Protein backbone atom coordinates (compact mmCIF):
# COMPACT_ATOMS: atom_id res chain seq x y z
CA UNK A 1 103.25 111.51 107.80
CA UNK A 2 101.24 112.30 111.19
CA UNK A 3 98.63 109.88 109.95
CA UNK A 4 101.11 107.27 109.65
CA UNK A 5 102.47 107.90 112.97
CA UNK A 6 99.03 107.94 114.52
CA UNK A 7 98.62 104.41 112.74
CA UNK A 8 101.89 103.08 114.23
CA UNK A 9 100.70 104.38 117.71
CA UNK A 10 97.16 102.33 117.36
CA UNK A 11 98.87 99.51 115.99
CA UNK A 12 101.55 99.48 119.08
CA UNK A 13 98.58 99.83 121.37
CA UNK A 14 96.56 96.81 120.18
CA UNK A 15 97.77 95.24 117.08
CA UNK A 16 94.79 92.77 116.86
CA UNK A 17 92.23 95.70 117.18
CA UNK A 18 94.27 97.75 114.40
CA UNK A 19 94.11 94.77 112.21
CA UNK A 20 90.50 94.05 112.67
CA UNK A 21 89.76 97.68 112.02
CA UNK A 22 91.25 97.49 108.66
CA UNK A 23 94.51 99.49 109.71
CA UNK A 24 96.78 97.95 107.23
CA UNK A 25 94.24 98.79 104.53
CA UNK A 26 94.17 102.06 105.39
CA UNK A 27 97.92 102.60 105.61
CA UNK A 28 98.29 100.63 102.13
CA UNK A 29 95.18 102.63 100.53
CA UNK A 30 95.54 106.07 101.93
CA UNK A 31 98.33 107.08 104.14
CA UNK A 32 101.26 105.52 102.07
CA UNK A 33 99.61 107.00 98.59
CA UNK A 34 99.25 110.33 100.34
CA UNK A 35 103.04 110.28 101.40
CA UNK A 36 104.36 109.03 97.99
CA UNK A 37 102.70 111.87 95.94
CA UNK A 38 102.98 114.59 98.52
CA UNK A 39 106.20 113.94 100.36
CA UNK A 40 108.53 112.21 97.70
CA UNK A 41 109.96 113.11 94.81
CA UNK A 42 108.85 111.70 91.61
CA UNK A 43 111.37 110.90 88.69
CA UNK A 44 111.65 113.13 85.97
CA UNK A 45 110.23 112.27 82.44
CA UNK A 46 113.43 111.66 81.10
CA UNK A 47 116.08 109.64 82.58
CA UNK A 48 119.67 110.59 83.31
CA UNK A 49 122.41 110.09 80.62
CA UNK A 50 123.44 106.62 82.76
CA UNK A 51 119.81 105.60 82.30
CA UNK A 52 119.10 105.91 86.08
CA UNK A 53 115.92 107.84 87.05
CA UNK A 54 116.56 111.58 87.03
CA UNK A 55 115.15 114.15 89.86
CA UNK A 56 114.83 117.73 90.23
CA UNK A 57 118.27 119.17 91.76
CA UNK A 58 116.43 120.47 94.82
CA UNK A 59 114.87 117.12 95.59
CA UNK A 60 118.12 115.50 95.61
CA UNK A 61 119.56 118.19 97.93
CA UNK A 62 116.99 116.82 100.37
CA UNK A 63 118.00 113.00 100.29
CA UNK A 64 118.45 112.64 104.02
CA UNK A 65 114.94 114.06 104.61
CA UNK A 66 113.45 111.51 101.87
CA UNK A 67 115.64 108.60 103.27
CA UNK A 68 114.53 109.37 106.84
CA UNK A 69 110.80 109.31 105.64
CA UNK A 70 111.39 106.29 103.67
CA UNK A 71 113.28 104.26 106.43
CA UNK A 72 110.67 105.27 109.12
CA UNK A 73 107.70 104.12 106.76
CA UNK A 74 109.74 100.95 106.28
CA UNK A 75 110.35 100.24 109.87
CA UNK A 76 106.86 101.15 111.01
CA UNK A 77 104.80 99.10 108.36
CA UNK A 78 107.20 96.83 106.56
CA UNK A 79 104.75 95.31 104.36
CA UNK A 80 102.70 98.11 103.52
CA UNK A 81 105.76 100.12 102.63
CA UNK A 82 107.07 97.86 100.37
CA UNK A 83 103.86 97.20 98.59
CA UNK A 84 103.19 100.95 98.13
CA UNK A 85 106.60 102.95 98.45
CA UNK A 86 109.25 100.48 97.49
CA UNK A 87 111.49 102.21 99.76
CA UNK A 88 114.78 100.30 99.08
CA UNK A 89 114.55 100.90 95.11
CA UNK A 90 113.53 104.40 95.85
CA UNK A 91 116.38 104.88 98.01
CA UNK A 92 118.52 103.41 95.44
CA UNK A 93 117.24 105.39 92.54
CA UNK A 94 117.68 108.73 94.53
CA UNK A 95 121.37 107.68 95.49
CA UNK A 96 121.94 106.97 91.96
CA UNK A 97 120.88 110.08 90.76
CA UNK A 98 122.94 111.98 93.29
CA UNK A 99 126.13 109.90 92.13
CA UNK A 100 125.32 110.46 88.48
CA UNK A 101 125.35 114.46 89.13
CA UNK A 102 128.71 114.40 90.67
CA UNK A 103 130.00 112.29 87.81
CA UNK A 104 128.50 114.30 85.23
CA UNK A 105 130.50 117.41 86.68
CA UNK A 106 133.71 114.88 86.54
CA UNK A 107 133.97 114.83 90.58
CA UNK A 108 134.42 111.13 91.31
CA UNK A 109 135.97 111.96 94.70
CA UNK A 110 132.82 114.17 95.58
CA UNK A 111 130.63 111.20 94.67
CA UNK A 112 132.65 108.55 96.87
CA UNK A 113 132.45 111.26 99.70
CA UNK A 114 128.78 111.89 99.31
CA UNK A 115 128.02 107.98 99.62
CA UNK A 116 130.37 107.92 102.71
CA UNK A 117 128.62 110.78 104.29
CA UNK A 118 125.13 109.33 103.68
CA UNK A 119 125.96 105.59 104.61
CA UNK A 120 125.05 104.64 101.04
CA UNK A 121 126.54 101.17 100.78
CA UNK A 122 126.02 100.21 97.10
CA UNK A 123 128.33 98.22 95.20
CA UNK A 124 126.85 98.96 91.82
CA UNK A 125 127.48 102.72 92.83
CA UNK A 126 130.92 102.11 94.07
CA UNK A 127 131.50 100.60 90.66
CA UNK A 128 130.26 103.15 88.87
CA UNK A 129 132.56 105.65 90.27
CA UNK A 130 135.38 103.18 90.20
CA UNK A 131 134.68 103.07 86.41
CA UNK A 132 134.31 106.68 86.25
CA UNK A 133 137.98 107.07 87.86
CA UNK A 134 139.45 104.62 85.64
CA UNK A 135 137.94 106.59 82.37
CA UNK A 136 139.23 109.62 83.80
CA UNK A 137 142.77 108.31 84.10
CA UNK A 138 142.64 106.36 81.43
CA UNK A 139 143.33 103.16 83.04
């Protein structure tokens, strides 16, 4: 993460020099792969019952940390982040895994509260929660 921030400072100081020195390639080829491999959770081999990617429970509890890192990467280097990290889809996968955990425990209300607390706005996840609520009430 420190290398990413150093690259961002260099880019802000002189964007043309940063590009000429191969800065974007460095971010794409070394910095973001290292962040992806060392700082972001990898999906488990077997998906959740819903078919969404599953993650270790401890990693899901760190959703805010992962979300902040992905948002920072995307803000500083949007093109490179999308090419290497796919921040939007990673955030969606992490949020879906958290919601799946709540629904697996029969806690649709908790899932909805978690989405509000973490500012997750996903119509698909909201519909998944609504469907679970309908199934639980027999409606």
